[in-house]
Amino acid sequence: MKTAIRCCVGIVLSLLFLHPADNAYAQGVAVGPDGKPIQQSFALPYAFYNEKFGAAAGFAYGASGFPQPQATMLVTGMGGTEGSGMLFFIGNNLQVPHLSRVFVDPVFSAGYFSDNISYVSGKTKYAGQRAGSNDSDPKNYIIGDGMDNYARAKFKYLLPIGTGEDTIISQYRFDRGLLVSGAQGGQSWNPFESGKSYLELRPFWRSLEVDGKYGDYETKTNGVDFSIFWDNRDLPANPSVGNSIRLMASRDFGFFDSSTSWTSLYTELDKYFSFGSSERFRQRVLALNFWTSYSPSWDHRPDGTIDHAPPPYTGSSLGGLWRMRAFPSQRFNDQAAIYYCAELRLIPEWNPFEHWAWLQRHLGVQWIQVVPFVEVGRVASEYDLERLNSDMKWDAGLGLRFLAKGLVLRIDSAYSDEGIGVQMMISQPFQW
């Protein structure tokens, strides 16, 4: 059995409890007893080791509540002995001046990585087998050094319905990290009465190059995501009740330097059931998630090649940080996909960080969360529910999550018949 440790910038910062990049509270702020927003910032060097970077070092600067009370920003740069290096910037929930209902989330990353793995066909040993398909060999990938650069910016318009009719930026009050007042959703199944609803538009661009032993791979894509999102959860960072749904369409029109044009459609639903507290646990929540994807633009040619397909890192893809966490990133990718997950999120009364005052001053861990979970999913070359729900891949695992400085940090370990995967990132895994 092999243990694969998958890495991204989130791993580094999560391990150091330093990542304020994603605003845990959506369009909301955490306020203190005096009703004023809680602000935090840091500027710190860090060091780490992993397969892609080797021994590495970096520097990060981040701030929450800046330049606006509901906003967060982070910039970091890192480099390692294996030749990998990257620069990363992200901002969240920046309110557009004079447009109080419009927010923007910009992201930019530029990096050079050694031993990049891409599940695309190229190895002659697997000629005739499509890499990334449901029955493909786990070693059917190409690996090599190369650049991976991307940029995107999500523009979000808060509709004047439900909670969003009167409350644009929510105010949350907490007791040791658990919500006491200010819930933005979960009161009903009617979006005109409960929750916040958004129209979202996200222009994107990405360029990936792999100079591999078994073949080179290069793909460039640019386009726009269009989505409708109803967030009916009481607290987006760590929901205990409510639900949310996102309907999204992604389109690369083939303009500029795009490798090809393509279209993908997505639907994601999640639902939360609270079992309340007990003698040992402050909070017990059952979290359920459903996600499905389909690319209608795929053109299956008679010679077996495919045109107008999205890159493997987008579209109908399973594996990595968010779905099927025992598998490598984009381990499975095809024209269609389906995915189900159940998590039992338990927050015990016990918090070991409360006994380490010197460490707690820097980390500010308000709770830890133990999360057993199970996932099933599969990809297919057509959208057929009977086929998608048969011969499915599965994994089961255990997560350990922390609320540190107002942000949820997670370490998930899962087992499948292909081995063990460890994923580390900010945020709960649903509706990322």
Protein backbone atom coordinates (compact mmCIF):
# COMPACT_ATOMS: atom_id res chain seq x y z
CA MET A 1 0.00 0.00 0.00
CA LYS A 2 1.27 3.45 -0.86
CA THR A 3 0.49 6.63 1.01
CA ALA A 4 0.22 9.63 -1.26
CA ILE A 5 0.53 13.11 0.16
CA ARG A 6 -1.00 15.67 -2.15
CA CYS A 7 0.09 19.24 -1.81
CA CYS A 8 -0.90 22.76 -2.72
CA VAL A 9 -0.33 26.15 -1.19
CA GLY A 10 -3.19 25.46 1.21
CA ILE A 11 -1.25 22.60 2.81
CA VAL A 12 1.60 24.83 3.85
CA LEU A 13 -0.53 27.54 5.35
CA SER A 14 -3.00 25.13 6.94
CA LEU A 15 -0.25 23.29 8.74
CA LEU A 16 0.97 26.60 10.12
CA PHE A 17 -2.54 27.82 10.92
CA LEU A 18 -1.83 30.95 8.89
CA HIS A 19 -4.29 30.94 6.01
CA PRO A 20 -6.98 33.65 6.06
CA ALA A 21 -7.48 33.45 2.33
CA ASP A 22 -11.06 32.31 2.20
CA ASN A 23 -13.52 34.36 4.22
CA ALA A 24 -15.06 31.81 6.52
CA TYR A 25 -18.16 33.89 7.05
CA ALA A 26 -19.22 34.62 3.44
CA GLN A 27 -20.79 38.11 3.32
CA GLY A 28 -20.50 38.47 7.07
CA VAL A 29 -18.19 39.47 9.88
CA ALA A 30 -17.43 38.07 13.32
CA VAL A 31 -18.08 40.71 15.94
CA GLY A 32 -16.95 40.94 19.55
CA PRO A 33 -19.06 41.70 22.65
CA ASP A 34 -18.81 45.41 21.82
CA GLY A 35 -20.37 44.81 18.40
CA LYS A 36 -17.19 45.82 16.55
CA PRO A 37 -15.67 43.58 13.84
CA ILE A 38 -12.76 41.36 14.91
CA GLN A 39 -9.64 42.06 12.82
CA GLN A 40 -6.49 39.94 12.50
CA SER A 41 -3.30 40.03 10.44
CA PHE A 42 0.09 38.36 10.23
CA ALA A 43 3.42 38.59 8.39
CA LEU A 44 5.51 35.46 8.96
CA PRO A 45 8.11 33.24 7.31
CA TYR A 46 7.51 29.48 7.21
CA ALA A 47 9.28 26.27 6.21
CA PHE A 48 8.04 22.86 5.07
CA TYR A 49 8.96 19.69 3.17
CA ASN A 50 7.08 17.65 0.55
CA GLU A 51 7.67 15.68 -2.64
CA LYS A 52 7.20 18.56 -5.10
CA PHE A 53 9.20 21.24 -3.27
CA GLY A 54 11.71 19.26 -1.23
CA ALA A 55 13.00 21.38 1.65
CA ALA A 56 11.32 24.73 1.14
CA ALA A 57 10.76 28.12 2.69
CA GLY A 58 8.35 30.97 2.08
CA PHE A 59 6.85 34.15 3.42
CA ALA A 60 3.18 34.98 3.88
CA TYR A 61 1.26 38.13 4.66
CA GLY A 62 -2.46 38.06 5.34
CA ALA A 63 -5.21 40.16 6.84
CA SER A 64 -8.86 39.64 7.72
CA GLY A 65 -11.10 42.65 8.06
CA PHE A 66 -8.96 44.57 5.57
CA PRO A 67 -9.45 46.62 3.47
CA GLN A 68 -13.12 46.16 4.47
CA PRO A 69 -14.60 44.52 7.60
CA GLN A 70 -15.93 41.47 5.68
CA ALA A 71 -12.87 41.06 3.42
CA THR A 72 -9.75 38.89 3.65
CA MET A 73 -6.51 38.98 1.66
CA LEU A 74 -3.36 36.87 1.48
CA VAL A 75 -0.15 36.86 -0.55
CA THR A 76 2.61 34.26 -0.25
CA GLY A 77 5.72 33.17 -2.11
CA MET A 78 7.71 29.96 -1.70
CA GLY A 79 10.56 28.00 -3.23
CA GLY A 80 12.23 24.62 -2.63
CA THR A 81 15.33 22.54 -3.27
CA GLU A 82 13.57 20.42 -5.94
CA GLY A 83 13.24 23.48 -8.16
CA SER A 84 9.57 24.17 -7.48
CA GLY A 85 8.41 27.67 -6.64
CA MET A 86 5.25 29.72 -6.70
CA LEU A 87 3.62 33.07 -5.96
CA PHE A 88 0.01 33.12 -4.78
CA PHE A 89 -2.53 35.87 -4.07
CA ILE A 90 -6.17 35.65 -3.07
CA GLY A 91 -8.78 38.11 -1.90
CA ASN A 92 -12.32 37.41 -0.76
CA ASN A 93 -15.53 39.35 -0.42
CA LEU A 94 -14.22 42.70 -1.56
CA GLN A 95 -17.27 44.95 -1.80
CA VAL A 96 -17.35 47.00 -5.00
CA PRO A 97 -17.56 50.75 -4.21
CA HIS A 98 -21.01 52.27 -4.78
CA LEU A 99 -22.42 48.78 -5.56
CA SER A 100 -23.25 47.47 -2.10
CA ARG A 101 -24.61 44.13 -3.33
CA VAL A 102 -21.63 43.26 -5.54
CA PHE A 103 -18.58 41.44 -4.17
CA VAL A 104 -15.49 40.09 -5.90
CA ASP A 105 -13.05 37.25 -5.08
CA PRO A 106 -9.77 37.60 -7.07
CA VAL A 107 -7.21 34.77 -7.26
CA PHE A 108 -3.80 34.64 -8.97
CA SER A 109 -1.12 31.95 -8.93
CA ALA A 110 2.13 31.53 -10.87
CA GLY A 111 4.39 28.55 -10.31
CA TYR A 112 6.92 26.08 -11.63
CA PHE A 113 6.58 22.53 -10.27
CA SER A 114 8.70 19.42 -10.47
CA ASP A 115 7.07 16.02 -10.95
CA ASN A 116 3.64 17.32 -11.94
CA ILE A 117 1.22 14.44 -12.52
CA SER A 118 -1.51 14.68 -15.17
CA TYR A 119 -3.99 11.90 -15.84
CA VAL A 120 -3.92 12.25 -19.62
CA SER A 121 -3.04 9.60 -22.20
CA GLY A 122 0.59 9.45 -23.28
CA LYS A 123 2.21 6.28 -21.96
CA THR A 124 2.62 3.74 -24.77
CA LYS A 125 2.18 0.96 -22.21
CA TYR A 126 -1.49 1.95 -21.92
CA ALA A 127 -2.24 2.52 -25.60
CA GLY A 128 -5.94 2.05 -26.23
CA GLN A 129 -6.90 2.93 -22.64
CA ARG A 130 -8.15 6.42 -21.87
CA ALA A 131 -6.26 7.85 -18.88
CA GLY A 132 -8.58 9.02 -16.11
CA SER A 133 -11.54 6.86 -17.13
CA ASN A 134 -13.40 4.87 -14.48
CA ASP A 135 -11.57 1.63 -15.30
CA SER A 136 -8.18 3.15 -16.12
CA ASP A 137 -4.99 1.92 -14.51
CA PRO A 138 -3.87 4.14 -11.58
CA LYS A 139 -0.39 4.37 -13.18
CA ASN A 140 -1.74 5.63 -16.49
CA TYR A 141 -0.52 9.23 -16.26
CA ILE A 142 2.31 11.42 -17.44
CA ILE A 143 4.70 13.10 -15.04
CA GLY A 144 7.22 15.87 -15.52
CA ASP A 145 8.28 19.40 -14.73
CA GLY A 146 6.40 22.45 -15.91
CA MET A 147 4.57 25.71 -15.34
CA ASP A 148 1.08 26.00 -13.88
CA ASN A 149 -0.34 29.52 -13.89
CA TYR A 150 -3.90 30.68 -13.37
CA ALA A 151 -6.05 33.70 -12.61
CA ARG A 152 -9.75 34.16 -11.93
CA ALA A 153 -12.13 36.61 -10.31
CA LYS A 154 -15.61 35.75 -9.08
CA PHE A 155 -18.16 38.57 -9.13
CA LYS A 156 -21.14 37.92 -6.84
CA TYR A 157 -24.41 39.87 -6.86
CA LEU A 158 -26.50 39.38 -3.72
CA LEU A 159 -30.17 39.23 -4.69
CA PRO A 160 -32.62 41.26 -2.56
CA ILE A 161 -34.58 38.23 -1.35
CA GLY A 162 -34.58 36.06 1.77
CA THR A 163 -32.09 37.13 4.41
CA GLY A 164 -30.33 39.16 1.72
CA GLU A 165 -33.31 41.47 1.33
CA ASP A 166 -32.50 43.40 4.51
CA THR A 167 -29.04 42.09 5.45
CA ILE A 168 -26.17 42.49 2.99
CA ILE A 169 -23.35 41.79 5.46
CA SER A 170 -24.32 39.53 8.36
CA GLN A 171 -22.97 39.89 11.89
CA TYR A 172 -22.12 36.65 13.67
CA ARG A 173 -21.65 36.25 17.42
CA PHE A 174 -19.90 33.18 18.79
CA ASP A 175 -19.29 31.23 21.97
CA ARG A 176 -15.91 29.48 21.71
CA GLY A 177 -16.31 29.31 17.93
CA LEU A 178 -19.93 28.10 17.79
CA LEU A 179 -22.63 30.38 16.44
CA VAL A 180 -24.81 32.07 19.07
CA SER A 181 -26.69 34.59 16.90
CA GLY A 182 -26.75 35.98 13.38
CA ALA A 183 -27.68 32.83 11.40
CA GLN A 184 -28.15 33.75 7.76
CA GLY A 185 -30.24 30.73 6.75
CA GLY A 186 -31.80 27.42 7.69
CA GLN A 187 -35.20 28.81 8.66
CA SER A 188 -37.16 27.40 5.71
CA TRP A 189 -36.87 25.81 2.24
CA ASN A 190 -38.09 29.00 0.57
CA PRO A 191 -35.29 31.18 -0.90
CA PHE A 192 -37.62 34.19 -0.66
CA GLU A 193 -37.78 33.74 3.11
CA SER A 194 -34.44 32.27 4.18
CA GLY A 195 -30.78 32.35 3.17
CA LYS A 196 -28.82 34.48 0.72
CA SER A 197 -29.05 34.04 -3.05
CA TYR A 198 -26.39 35.10 -5.55
CA LEU A 199 -25.86 35.53 -9.25
CA GLU A 200 -22.19 34.74 -9.90
CA LEU A 201 -19.89 35.39 -12.83
CA ARG A 202 -16.28 34.22 -12.78
CA PRO A 203 -13.86 34.89 -15.66
CA PHE A 204 -10.94 32.42 -15.58
CA TRP A 205 -7.63 31.67 -17.29
CA ARG A 206 -5.17 28.82 -16.76
CA SER A 207 -2.08 27.52 -18.52
CA LEU A 208 -0.53 24.14 -17.64
CA GLU A 209 2.62 22.63 -19.14
CA VAL A 210 4.16 19.23 -18.34
CA ASP A 211 7.49 18.21 -19.89
CA GLY A 212 7.32 14.50 -19.18
CA LYS A 213 9.32 11.34 -19.72
CA TYR A 214 6.40 9.64 -21.45
CA GLY A 215 5.20 12.67 -23.39
CA ASP A 216 4.58 16.36 -23.09
CA TYR A 217 1.25 17.91 -22.24
CA GLU A 218 0.11 21.50 -22.60
CA THR A 219 -3.32 23.00 -22.20
CA LYS A 220 -4.57 26.57 -22.01
CA THR A 221 -8.07 27.61 -21.17
CA ASN A 222 -9.95 30.85 -20.64
CA GLY A 223 -13.63 31.54 -20.28
CA VAL A 224 -16.41 32.31 -17.85
CA ASP A 225 -18.36 30.47 -15.15
CA PHE A 226 -22.01 31.45 -14.72
CA SER A 227 -23.82 30.27 -11.59
CA ILE A 228 -26.81 30.70 -9.30
CA PHE A 229 -26.12 29.98 -5.64
CA TRP A 230 -28.65 29.75 -2.82
CA ASP A 231 -26.80 29.64 0.51
CA ASN A 232 -29.39 28.63 3.11
CA ARG A 233 -26.90 27.48 5.77
CA ASP A 234 -26.87 29.04 9.22
CA LEU A 235 -23.08 29.60 9.09
CA PRO A 236 -21.23 28.90 5.81
CA ALA A 237 -17.92 28.19 7.56
CA ASN A 238 -19.31 25.38 9.71
CA PRO A 239 -23.02 24.73 9.09
CA SER A 240 -25.17 22.95 11.65
CA VAL A 241 -28.55 23.31 9.90
CA GLY A 242 -29.83 24.33 6.50
CA ASN A 243 -28.86 23.57 2.93
CA SER A 244 -27.37 25.13 -0.18
CA ILE A 245 -27.53 24.60 -3.92
CA ARG A 246 -25.40 25.82 -6.81
CA LEU A 247 -26.21 25.51 -10.51
CA MET A 248 -23.24 26.40 -12.73
CA ALA A 249 -22.27 26.48 -16.38
CA SER A 250 -18.64 26.90 -17.51
CA ARG A 251 -17.77 27.99 -21.03
CA ASP A 252 -14.46 28.35 -22.83
CA PHE A 253 -15.31 30.06 -26.14
CA GLY A 254 -12.00 29.14 -27.77
CA PHE A 255 -10.84 32.75 -27.84
CA PHE A 256 -7.30 34.11 -27.43
CA ASP A 257 -4.80 31.37 -26.52
CA SER A 258 -7.33 28.69 -25.56
CA SER A 259 -6.45 25.13 -26.62
CA THR A 260 -10.09 24.39 -27.54
CA SER A 261 -13.62 25.49 -26.83
CA TRP A 262 -15.70 23.52 -24.32
CA THR A 263 -18.76 23.62 -22.06
CA SER A 264 -19.44 22.00 -18.67
CA LEU A 265 -22.54 21.96 -16.48
CA TYR A 266 -22.55 21.37 -12.71
CA THR A 267 -25.03 20.92 -9.87
CA GLU A 268 -24.14 20.70 -6.17
CA LEU A 269 -26.48 20.21 -3.21
CA ASP A 270 -25.67 19.90 0.48
CA LYS A 271 -27.87 19.41 3.55
CA TYR A 272 -27.15 19.51 7.30
CA PHE A 273 -28.89 17.83 10.24
CA SER A 274 -28.08 18.87 13.80
CA PHE A 275 -28.20 16.29 16.61
CA GLY A 276 -27.49 18.96 19.21
CA SER A 277 -25.00 18.67 22.04
CA SER A 278 -24.30 15.81 24.44
CA GLU A 279 -22.22 15.18 27.53
CA ARG A 280 -19.06 14.78 25.46
CA PHE A 281 -19.76 16.85 22.35
CA ARG A 282 -20.59 20.53 21.93
CA GLN A 283 -21.95 19.95 18.43
CA ARG A 284 -23.00 16.90 16.36
CA VAL A 285 -23.93 17.40 12.70
CA LEU A 286 -24.64 15.02 9.82
CA ALA A 287 -23.52 16.69 6.56
CA LEU A 288 -24.63 15.27 3.18
CA ASN A 289 -23.37 16.31 -0.25
CA PHE A 290 -24.34 15.54 -3.85
CA TRP A 291 -22.45 16.78 -6.92
CA THR A 292 -22.77 15.98 -10.60
CA SER A 293 -21.24 17.26 -13.81
CA TYR A 294 -21.64 16.88 -17.56
CA SER A 295 -19.84 18.32 -20.59
CA PRO A 296 -22.22 18.52 -23.59
CA SER A 297 -19.48 19.81 -25.90
CA TRP A 298 -17.50 16.55 -26.00
CA ASP A 299 -17.00 15.26 -29.54
CA HIS A 300 -16.09 11.56 -29.65
CA ARG A 301 -14.26 11.03 -32.95
CA PRO A 302 -14.31 7.66 -34.84
CA ASP A 303 -10.55 7.29 -34.32
CA GLY A 304 -10.99 7.44 -30.53
CA THR A 305 -9.81 10.99 -30.04
CA ILE A 306 -11.92 13.60 -28.27
CA ASP A 307 -12.44 17.23 -29.20
CA HIS A 308 -13.93 20.13 -27.20
CA ALA A 309 -13.36 18.49 -23.83
CA PRO A 310 -12.51 20.56 -20.73
CA PRO A 311 -9.01 20.06 -19.25
CA PRO A 312 -8.75 17.21 -16.70
CA TYR A 313 -8.41 19.67 -13.80
CA THR A 314 -11.91 21.01 -14.44
CA GLY A 315 -15.14 19.51 -15.74
CA SER A 316 -16.21 16.04 -14.63
CA SER A 317 -13.23 15.32 -12.39
CA LEU A 318 -12.93 13.32 -9.15
CA GLY A 319 -9.97 12.99 -6.78
CA GLY A 320 -7.95 15.38 -4.67
CA LEU A 321 -8.89 18.04 -2.13
CA TRP A 322 -12.66 18.15 -2.51
CA ARG A 323 -14.13 14.88 -3.86
CA MET A 324 -12.86 11.29 -3.49
CA ARG A 325 -10.07 12.34 -1.15
CA ALA A 326 -8.24 8.98 -1.11
CA PHE A 327 -7.30 9.49 -4.77
CA PRO A 328 -4.81 11.88 -6.42
CA SER A 329 -6.05 15.13 -7.90
CA GLN A 330 -8.02 14.56 -11.13
CA ARG A 331 -7.49 10.80 -10.83
CA PHE A 332 -10.79 10.29 -12.64
CA ASN A 333 -12.01 12.59 -15.44
CA ASP A 334 -14.48 12.03 -18.25
CA GLN A 335 -17.54 13.54 -19.92
CA ALA A 336 -19.87 12.95 -16.94
CA ALA A 337 -19.49 12.40 -13.21
CA ILE A 338 -21.55 11.84 -10.08
CA TYR A 339 -20.56 12.01 -6.42
CA TYR A 340 -22.11 11.41 -2.97
CA CYS A 341 -20.65 12.03 0.48
CA ALA A 342 -21.74 11.75 4.10
CA GLU A 343 -19.79 13.25 7.02
CA LEU A 344 -20.47 13.08 10.75
CA ARG A 345 -18.96 16.27 12.19
CA LEU A 346 -18.30 16.04 15.93
CA ILE A 347 -16.93 18.88 18.08
CA PRO A 348 -15.87 17.52 21.48
CA GLU A 349 -15.91 19.52 24.69
CA TRP A 350 -12.18 18.79 24.96
CA ASN A 351 -9.82 21.31 23.35
CA PRO A 352 -6.16 20.47 24.05
CA PHE A 353 -4.98 23.89 22.85
CA GLU A 354 -6.59 25.50 25.90
CA HIS A 355 -3.85 23.89 28.00
CA TRP A 356 -1.01 25.32 25.89
CA ALA A 357 -1.29 29.06 26.48
CA TRP A 358 1.95 29.94 24.67
CA LEU A 359 0.76 28.12 21.51
CA GLN A 360 -2.82 29.31 21.77
CA ARG A 361 -1.74 32.94 21.65
CA HIS A 362 -0.51 32.37 18.09
CA LEU A 363 -3.06 29.85 16.84
CA GLY A 364 -6.32 30.86 18.53
CA VAL A 365 -7.91 27.40 18.12
CA GLN A 366 -11.48 27.61 19.41
CA TRP A 367 -12.52 24.05 18.64
CA ILE A 368 -11.35 20.83 17.07
CA GLN A 369 -13.67 18.65 15.00
CA VAL A 370 -13.45 14.89 14.40
CA VAL A 371 -15.09 13.82 11.12
CA PRO A 372 -15.59 10.22 9.95
CA PHE A 373 -16.77 10.25 6.33
CA VAL A 374 -17.54 8.03 3.34
CA GLU A 375 -17.56 8.93 -0.36
CA VAL A 376 -18.72 7.21 -3.57
CA GLY A 377 -18.56 8.42 -7.16
CA ARG A 378 -17.70 7.61 -10.72
CA VAL A 379 -17.06 9.13 -14.13
CA ALA A 380 -18.44 7.93 -17.47
CA SER A 381 -18.33 8.75 -21.17
CA GLU A 382 -22.04 9.68 -21.21
CA TYR A 383 -24.61 10.97 -18.74
CA ASP A 384 -26.54 7.83 -17.91
CA LEU A 385 -27.75 7.61 -14.30
CA GLU A 386 -27.85 3.81 -14.27
CA ARG A 387 -24.26 3.63 -15.49
CA LEU A 388 -23.04 6.43 -13.23
CA ASN A 389 -24.53 4.72 -10.18
CA SER A 390 -22.96 1.33 -10.89
CA ASP A 391 -19.36 0.12 -10.50
CA MET A 392 -18.66 3.20 -8.39
CA LYS A 393 -15.38 4.08 -6.73
CA TRP A 394 -15.43 4.50 -2.96
CA ASP A 395 -13.33 5.61 -0.05
CA ALA A 396 -13.76 6.06 3.68
CA GLY A 397 -11.77 8.21 6.01
CA LEU A 398 -11.34 10.35 9.07
CA GLY A 399 -10.88 14.11 9.18
CA LEU A 400 -9.43 16.38 11.84
CA ARG A 401 -10.47 20.03 11.56
CA PHE A 402 -9.74 23.17 13.54
CA LEU A 403 -11.26 26.61 13.88
CA ALA A 404 -8.14 28.79 14.11
CA LYS A 405 -8.31 32.57 13.96
CA GLY A 406 -11.81 32.34 12.53
CA LEU A 407 -10.87 29.90 9.75
CA VAL A 408 -11.64 26.21 9.34
CA LEU A 409 -8.48 24.19 8.60
CA ARG A 410 -8.75 20.51 7.74
CA ILE A 411 -6.64 17.37 7.46
CA ASP A 412 -8.52 14.48 5.83
CA SER A 413 -7.13 10.97 5.49
CA ALA A 414 -9.03 8.40 3.41
CA TYR A 415 -8.57 4.79 2.28
CA SER A 416 -9.53 3.24 -1.06
CA ASP A 417 -8.53 0.15 -3.00
CA GLU A 418 -5.77 2.26 -4.61
CA GLY A 419 -4.19 3.29 -1.32
CA ILE A 420 -4.37 6.10 1.23
CA GLY A 421 -4.65 9.80 0.49
CA VAL A 422 -4.04 12.69 2.86
CA GLN A 423 -5.56 16.05 1.94
CA MET A 424 -4.91 19.29 3.82
CA MET A 425 -6.67 22.53 3.01
CA ILE A 426 -8.74 25.42 4.33
CA SER A 427 -12.55 25.21 4.50
CA GLN A 428 -15.02 22.41 4.89
CA PRO A 429 -15.05 20.39 1.63
CA PHE A 430 -18.60 21.16 0.39
CA GLN A 431 -19.58 24.12 -1.83
CA TRP A 432 -16.00 25.36 -2.23
